[in-house]
Protein backbone atom coordinates (compact mmCIF):
# COMPACT_ATOMS: atom_id res chain seq x y z
CA UNK A 1 11.42 -27.70 1.32
CA UNK A 2 9.13 -26.62 -1.53
CA UNK A 3 9.23 -22.94 -2.41
CA UNK A 4 5.85 -21.21 -2.19
CA UNK A 5 4.29 -20.22 -5.51
CA UNK A 6 3.27 -16.58 -5.87
CA UNK A 7 0.57 -14.67 -7.65
CA UNK A 8 1.58 -11.01 -7.85
CA UNK A 9 -1.35 -8.67 -8.43
CA UNK A 10 -0.96 -5.04 -9.44
CA UNK A 11 -3.77 -2.47 -9.24
CA UNK A 12 -3.44 0.27 -11.86
CA UNK A 13 -5.30 3.33 -13.09
CA UNK A 14 -3.50 5.56 -15.60
CA UNK A 15 -0.04 4.50 -14.44
CA UNK A 16 1.89 4.84 -17.70
CA UNK A 17 4.63 6.78 -15.90
CA UNK A 18 5.30 4.09 -13.28
CA UNK A 19 4.13 0.63 -14.26
CA UNK A 20 6.95 -0.23 -16.67
CA UNK A 21 9.57 0.31 -13.96
CA UNK A 22 7.60 -1.77 -11.45
CA UNK A 23 7.15 -4.67 -13.88
CA UNK A 24 10.85 -4.63 -14.73
CA UNK A 25 11.70 -4.69 -11.02
CA UNK A 26 9.34 -7.61 -10.36
CA UNK A 27 10.59 -9.62 -13.33
CA UNK A 28 14.19 -8.85 -12.43
CA UNK A 29 13.87 -9.70 -8.74
CA UNK A 30 14.16 -13.51 -9.20
CA UNK A 31 13.24 -14.35 -5.58
CA UNK A 32 15.23 -17.15 -3.97
CA UNK A 33 12.55 -17.95 -1.41
CA UNK A 34 9.60 -18.32 -3.81
CA UNK A 35 8.52 -18.90 -7.42
CA UNK A 36 6.51 -16.31 -9.31
CA UNK A 37 3.58 -18.27 -10.72
CA UNK A 38 1.83 -15.38 -12.44
CA UNK A 39 1.55 -11.60 -12.52
CA UNK A 40 -1.94 -10.12 -12.84
CA UNK A 41 -2.39 -6.45 -13.70
CA UNK A 42 -5.88 -5.06 -13.17
CA UNK A 43 -6.16 -1.86 -15.19
CA UNK A 44 -9.23 -0.05 -13.93
CA UNK A 45 -10.62 2.44 -16.41
CA UNK A 46 -7.19 3.48 -17.70
CA UNK A 47 -7.30 5.98 -20.57
CA UNK A 48 -3.56 6.45 -21.05
CA UNK A 49 -1.02 3.92 -22.38
CA UNK A 50 -1.06 1.69 -19.28
CA UNK A 51 -2.84 -1.15 -21.10
CA UNK A 52 -0.53 -1.09 -24.10
CA UNK A 53 2.58 -1.10 -21.89
CA UNK A 54 1.32 -4.12 -19.97
CA UNK A 55 0.24 -5.85 -23.19
CA UNK A 56 3.79 -5.51 -24.52
CA UNK A 57 5.12 -7.24 -21.40
CA UNK A 58 2.49 -9.99 -21.78
CA UNK A 59 3.83 -10.82 -25.25
CA UNK A 60 7.30 -11.51 -23.82
CA UNK A 61 6.40 -13.30 -20.58
CA UNK A 62 3.52 -15.81 -20.38
CA UNK A 63 3.22 -15.30 -16.63
CA UNK A 64 1.75 -11.84 -17.18
CA UNK A 65 -1.95 -11.27 -17.71
CA UNK A 66 -3.82 -8.00 -18.19
CA UNK A 67 -7.31 -7.77 -16.71
CA UNK A 68 -9.18 -4.74 -18.02
CA UNK A 69 -11.99 -2.97 -16.19
CA UNK A 70 -13.71 -0.65 -18.71
CA UNK A 71 -14.79 1.66 -15.88
CA UNK A 72 -12.83 2.73 -12.83
CA UNK A 73 -14.54 0.83 -10.02
CA UNK A 74 -12.10 1.49 -7.17
CA UNK A 75 -9.18 -0.40 -5.68
CA UNK A 76 -11.31 -2.89 -3.74
CA UNK A 77 -12.84 -4.10 -7.01
CA UNK A 78 -9.35 -4.59 -8.47
CA UNK A 79 -8.09 -6.39 -5.36
CA UNK A 80 -11.10 -8.72 -5.41
CA UNK A 81 -10.39 -9.63 -9.03
CA UNK A 82 -6.82 -10.52 -8.09
CA UNK A 83 -7.95 -12.60 -5.11
CA UNK A 84 -10.57 -14.39 -7.21
CA UNK A 85 -8.54 -15.00 -10.35
CA UNK A 86 -5.27 -16.07 -8.69
CA UNK A 87 -4.31 -19.59 -9.68
CA UNK A 88 -5.27 -22.27 -7.20
CA UNK A 89 -1.64 -23.43 -7.36
CA UNK A 90 -0.43 -20.17 -5.85
CA UNK A 91 0.25 -20.39 -2.13
CA UNK A 92 0.64 -16.65 -1.55
CA UNK A 93 -0.84 -13.59 -3.23
CA UNK A 94 1.13 -10.35 -3.25
CA UNK A 95 -0.90 -7.20 -3.91
CA UNK A 96 0.71 -3.93 -4.98
CA UNK A 97 -0.25 -0.57 -6.34
CA UNK A 98 1.25 0.27 -9.72
CA UNK A 99 2.87 3.45 -8.40
CA UNK A 100 5.28 1.65 -6.05
CA UNK A 101 8.92 0.73 -6.62
CA UNK A 102 10.66 -2.24 -4.99
CA UNK A 103 14.19 -3.47 -4.35
CA UNK A 104 15.65 -6.78 -5.51
CA UNK A 105 15.14 -8.38 -2.11
CA UNK A 106 11.70 -6.93 -1.33
CA UNK A 107 9.66 -9.94 -2.48
CA UNK A 108 11.91 -12.42 -0.67
CA UNK A 109 11.78 -10.43 2.56
CA UNK A 110 8.01 -10.09 2.35
CA UNK A 111 7.41 -13.78 1.62
CA UNK A 112 9.82 -14.85 4.38
CA UNK A 113 7.44 -13.37 6.94
CA UNK A 114 4.90 -16.07 5.98
CA UNK A 115 7.28 -18.98 6.64
CA UNK A 116 5.67 -19.12 10.07
CA UNK A 117 2.44 -21.14 9.51
CA UNK A 118 0.69 -19.00 12.12
CA UNK A 119 1.17 -15.86 9.99
CA UNK A 120 -1.56 -15.23 7.43
CA UNK A 121 -0.59 -11.80 6.11
CA UNK A 122 2.47 -9.58 6.00
CA UNK A 123 3.06 -5.93 5.15
CA UNK A 124 6.11 -4.17 3.76
CA UNK A 125 7.91 -1.08 5.02
CA UNK A 126 7.07 2.07 3.07
CA UNK A 127 9.67 4.79 2.53
CA UNK A 128 8.46 8.01 0.89
CA UNK A 129 10.66 9.58 -1.74
CA UNK A 130 9.57 13.16 -1.07
CA UNK A 131 12.18 15.63 0.12
CA UNK A 132 11.54 16.07 3.87
CA UNK A 133 12.43 19.77 3.85
CA UNK A 134 9.01 20.79 2.48
CA UNK A 135 5.98 20.68 4.79
CA UNK A 136 4.07 18.09 2.76
CA UNK A 137 7.25 15.99 2.43
CA UNK A 138 7.82 16.22 6.18
CA UNK A 139 4.24 15.05 6.78
CA UNK A 140 4.69 12.04 4.49
CA UNK A 141 7.93 11.03 6.21
CA UNK A 142 6.34 11.56 9.63
CA UNK A 143 3.30 9.40 8.84
CA UNK A 144 5.30 6.51 7.40
CA UNK A 145 7.95 6.68 10.11
CA UNK A 146 5.20 6.50 12.72
CA UNK A 147 3.65 3.66 10.74
CA UNK A 148 7.00 1.84 10.90
CA UNK A 149 7.50 2.43 14.63
CA UNK A 150 3.98 1.28 15.49
CA UNK A 151 4.11 -1.73 13.16
CA UNK A 152 7.29 -2.93 14.86
CA UNK A 153 5.16 -3.57 17.97
CA UNK A 154 1.68 -4.03 16.50
CA UNK A 155 1.83 -4.94 12.76
CA UNK A 156 -0.08 -2.80 10.31
CA UNK A 157 -0.12 -3.55 6.58
CA UNK A 158 -0.27 -1.07 3.73
CA UNK A 159 0.64 -0.45 0.07
CA UNK A 160 2.36 -3.82 -0.52
CA UNK A 161 1.03 -6.96 1.18
CA UNK A 162 1.41 -10.73 1.02
CA UNK A 163 -1.53 -12.90 2.01
CA UNK A 164 -2.18 -16.63 1.99
CA UNK A 165 -4.37 -17.79 -0.89
CA UNK A 166 -7.25 -18.87 1.32
CA UNK A 167 -10.14 -17.57 -0.77
CA UNK A 168 -10.48 -14.14 0.82
CA UNK A 169 -12.66 -11.41 -0.64
CA UNK A 170 -13.64 -7.91 0.43
CA UNK A 171 -17.32 -6.89 0.70
CA UNK A 172 -18.35 -4.64 -2.17
CA UNK A 173 -19.52 -1.93 0.23
CA UNK A 174 -16.10 -1.78 1.91
CA UNK A 175 -13.78 0.92 0.56
CA UNK A 176 -10.54 -0.15 2.24
CA UNK A 177 -8.56 -3.21 1.25
CA UNK A 178 -5.47 -3.90 3.39
CA UNK A 179 -7.14 -3.13 6.72
CA UNK A 180 -10.18 -5.28 5.91
CA UNK A 181 -7.91 -8.19 4.95
CA UNK A 182 -6.08 -7.75 8.28
CA UNK A 183 -9.44 -8.20 9.98
CA UNK A 184 -10.39 -11.23 7.86
CA UNK A 185 -7.05 -12.99 8.36
CA UNK A 186 -7.10 -12.53 12.13
CA UNK A 187 -10.73 -13.65 12.25
CA UNK A 188 -9.50 -16.92 10.71
CA UNK A 189 -7.03 -17.35 13.56
CA UNK A 190 -3.86 -16.18 11.81
CA UNK A 191 -1.55 -13.39 12.93
CA UNK A 192 -0.22 -10.40 11.01
CA UNK A 193 3.50 -9.80 10.45
CA UNK A 194 5.47 -6.68 9.62
CA UNK A 195 8.33 -7.34 7.19
CA UNK A 196 10.52 -4.35 8.06
CA UNK A 197 13.22 -5.38 5.57
CA UNK A 198 10.78 -5.59 2.65
CA UNK A 199 11.40 -2.04 1.45
CA UNK A 200 8.98 -0.25 -0.85
CA UNK A 201 9.27 3.28 -2.18
CA UNK A 202 6.38 5.56 -3.00
CA UNK A 203 5.89 9.26 -3.49
CA UNK A 204 3.62 11.00 -1.03
CA UNK A 205 1.43 13.99 -1.90
CA UNK A 206 3.39 16.95 -3.21
CA UNK A 207 1.20 19.63 -1.66
CA UNK A 208 -0.54 20.25 1.65
CA UNK A 209 -3.93 20.17 -0.09
CA UNK A 210 -3.26 16.79 -1.68
CA UNK A 211 -1.92 15.43 1.61
CA UNK A 212 -5.10 16.53 3.40
CA UNK A 213 -7.27 14.99 0.68
CA UNK A 214 -5.49 11.65 1.02
CA UNK A 215 -5.54 11.55 4.82
CA UNK A 216 -9.19 12.62 4.95
CA UNK A 217 -10.16 9.70 2.74
CA UNK A 218 -8.13 7.21 4.79
CA UNK A 219 -9.73 8.30 8.06
CA UNK A 220 -13.23 8.00 6.58
CA UNK A 221 -12.44 4.49 5.34
CA UNK A 222 -11.10 3.40 8.74
CA UNK A 223 -14.30 4.66 10.38
CA UNK A 224 -16.37 2.58 7.97
CA UNK A 225 -14.28 -0.50 8.76
CA UNK A 226 -14.67 -0.04 12.50
CA UNK A 227 -18.43 0.44 12.26
CA UNK A 228 -18.85 -2.61 10.02
CA UNK A 229 -16.52 -5.04 11.78
CA UNK A 230 -15.45 -3.51 15.09
CA UNK A 231 -11.84 -3.71 13.90
CA UNK A 232 -9.42 -0.81 14.43
CA UNK A 233 -6.00 -0.65 12.80
CA UNK A 234 -3.03 -0.35 15.15
CA UNK A 235 -2.14 3.09 13.79
CA UNK A 236 -5.39 4.47 15.20
CA UNK A 237 -4.32 3.74 18.78
CA UNK A 238 -3.75 7.15 20.48
CA UNK A 239 -1.10 5.84 22.90
CA UNK A 240 0.93 4.27 20.09
CA UNK A 241 0.61 7.41 17.96
CA UNK A 242 1.83 9.62 20.82
CA UNK A 243 4.80 7.35 21.53
CA UNK A 244 5.81 7.17 17.86
CA UNK A 245 5.38 10.92 17.42
CA UNK A 246 7.50 11.72 20.47
CA UNK A 247 10.32 9.45 19.36
CA UNK A 248 10.26 10.85 15.81
CA UNK A 249 10.37 14.57 16.40
CA UNK A 250 13.79 16.08 16.96
CA UNK A 251 14.56 19.24 18.87
CA UNK A 252 15.40 21.27 15.77
CA UNK A 253 13.20 24.36 15.27
CA UNK A 254 12.07 23.21 11.81
CA UNK A 255 11.07 19.76 13.08
CA UNK A 256 9.21 21.26 16.02
CA UNK A 257 7.28 23.77 13.90
CA UNK A 258 6.53 21.25 11.14
CA UNK A 259 5.54 18.68 13.76
CA UNK A 260 3.00 21.02 15.36
CA UNK A 261 1.67 21.83 11.89
CA UNK A 262 1.42 18.13 11.00
CA UNK A 263 -0.56 17.40 14.17
CA UNK A 264 -2.94 20.24 13.32
CA UNK A 265 -3.32 19.03 9.73
CA UNK A 266 -4.02 15.48 10.87
CA UNK A 267 -6.68 16.79 13.26
CA UNK A 268 -8.36 18.56 10.34
CA UNK A 269 -8.18 15.34 8.29
CA UNK A 270 -9.86 13.39 11.10
CA UNK A 271 -12.60 16.04 11.36
CA UNK A 272 -13.23 16.06 7.61
CA UNK A 273 -13.12 12.27 7.44
CA UNK A 274 -15.71 12.15 10.22
CA UNK A 275 -17.89 14.58 8.27
CA UNK A 276 -17.57 12.46 5.13
CA UNK A 277 -18.49 9.26 6.94
CA UNK A 278 -21.14 10.33 9.44
CA UNK A 279 -22.83 13.23 7.61
CA UNK A 280 -22.05 13.17 3.89
CA UNK A 281 -22.11 9.33 3.78
CA UNK A 282 -19.14 9.40 1.40
CA UNK A 283 -17.32 6.07 1.36
CA UNK A 284 -14.50 7.14 -0.99
CA UNK A 285 -14.68 3.77 -2.78
CA UNK A 286 -13.54 5.51 -5.98
CA UNK A 287 -11.37 8.37 -4.85
CA UNK A 288 -9.94 11.32 -6.74
CA UNK A 289 -6.45 10.62 -8.00
CA UNK A 290 -3.79 12.58 -6.14
CA UNK A 291 -1.75 13.54 -9.19
CA UNK A 292 1.18 14.93 -7.20
CA UNK A 293 2.04 11.37 -6.11
CA UNK A 294 2.82 10.36 -9.70
CA UNK A 295 6.38 11.60 -10.26
CA UNK A 296 8.60 8.68 -11.31
CA UNK A 297 11.75 10.81 -11.72
CA UNK A 298 11.73 11.85 -8.07
CA UNK A 299 11.03 8.27 -7.02
CA UNK A 300 13.88 6.75 -9.03
CA UNK A 301 16.44 9.34 -7.94
CA UNK A 302 15.47 8.75 -4.32
CA UNK A 303 15.64 4.96 -4.74
CA UNK A 304 19.10 5.12 -6.25
CA UNK A 305 20.32 7.28 -3.41
CA UNK A 306 18.81 5.07 -0.68
CA UNK A 307 20.01 1.80 -2.18
CA UNK A 308 23.59 3.06 -2.27
CA UNK A 309 23.49 4.28 1.33
């Protein structure tokens, strides 16, 4: 059986602290279930050394190509460039942010989910590297654990996805990428899969203010998607959220207090997201960078610890 050929696309903006590690991990993964056809890095308005780091990699591996956007146009613009410029010989396109870290088997486990011809898109499992003993770290772990529990029953994709190279594109007025592609793939008659063993690490916001900023933007984007297409992501289902929240929270005093606080914070994020969408008409297509999510040292220490366990 012929191995599927992959285009791996990476969206980057000022990621000099993270992108080298991610590229080394991708190049060192050597997937058994697929062949890496090319690696496209879209650097959107980067003003640090991101471009020079990627250019150095390009000189040593012909599969790599740097696509520069002089201005920062938002992630959807970068994703559309990857979808459009992927080689026609690539069967599957993997899309990643530059601030993620992967394990050796992540690509194989993600691609394996598309062995079923009925599956058109698959999402990885995200594990935050934040220490859960701080409130913002607890919130990040809570959100992604709930995401995992819900996706086990009703798949939801985020951060790292694999999608069939079927000529998809995202409307320019849409500010959310993975959720729109979920909608487009299912509209074409395919199903969505959750690759729970395709592990990805990222660092969540390091402060309550940054966490609120991020969640506010996500809620506003999901509202835009629902209004435009009628599609709601599985993680917006109240019954699923309640079930996942109940199963996550322990009976420890800290967990109970932090859990109540997290629910209150999420309610504020929904309110502010509603204000942004319905009143301020803010689509968050080019959002403010949450700088506290860019700490590669914390990410790598956490990865090393989790891989050994």
